[in-house]
Amino acid sequence: MSDSVPTARVLVLGDSGAGKTSLIHALARPGEEANVGWTVGCHTDVLFFDSRMSGQCSIEFLEVGGSSSKLSRSVFYENFQGILLVYDVTNVRSFRNLSGWLDEVAIAQKVGSVERLKAGLPILLVGMKSDKIESRSTKGGRRHKLSIPGVRDHVEVSTARVAPHEVFHTFFHRLTAGASVTRV
């Protein structure tokens, strides 16, 4: 089909209650009021994005339910071009658990290690619910950022208003510039 739109699939991973559904709803349907609930299995949404390299593209978000069994989640870890790692900034456990999510994907992809997985595709770390905390500080009173080695992009946003942040645009451009963007 000559009028097909290039499509990139993004896995949206993180613990149950981290804000994954709210995030993708805000990105794919800006301005629409979200009425989200718990995700069972997976949830998809699509964003049409004007890429500098590819023109009009669609970005398919595939949110994997955080409470689903690890054994059943691996079925979703195929044919993707990027990952959004989502955690709740008010729950440090949800951040710590992200390494387990990456391990799951690396095992399902049979890439040998999380480092090889991270080297091969765009990954964005997204802290949700920043409106729920005043600041996260070290003993000296300085704010610090959480990070994952090998993941260079990180943003914290409010669940109440996910603005079109430059980090998301950069991630989407990196995603759609890759040769692995598929046509559907």
Foldseek 3Di string as FASTA:
>chain_A
DVPFAFEAEEEEDWAWPLLSVLVVCCQQPPPDDDDDDADDAWDKGWHFDQAPARGTHIYIYIYGGRVDDLVSNLVVLPRHAEYEQTGEPVDVVRVVCSVVVLVSSCVSVVVPDSLSVLVRHAYEYEHEQPVVDDADADPVRDGDDDDDPSHDHYDYDYSVHDDPDVSVVVRVNRRVNDPSGHTD
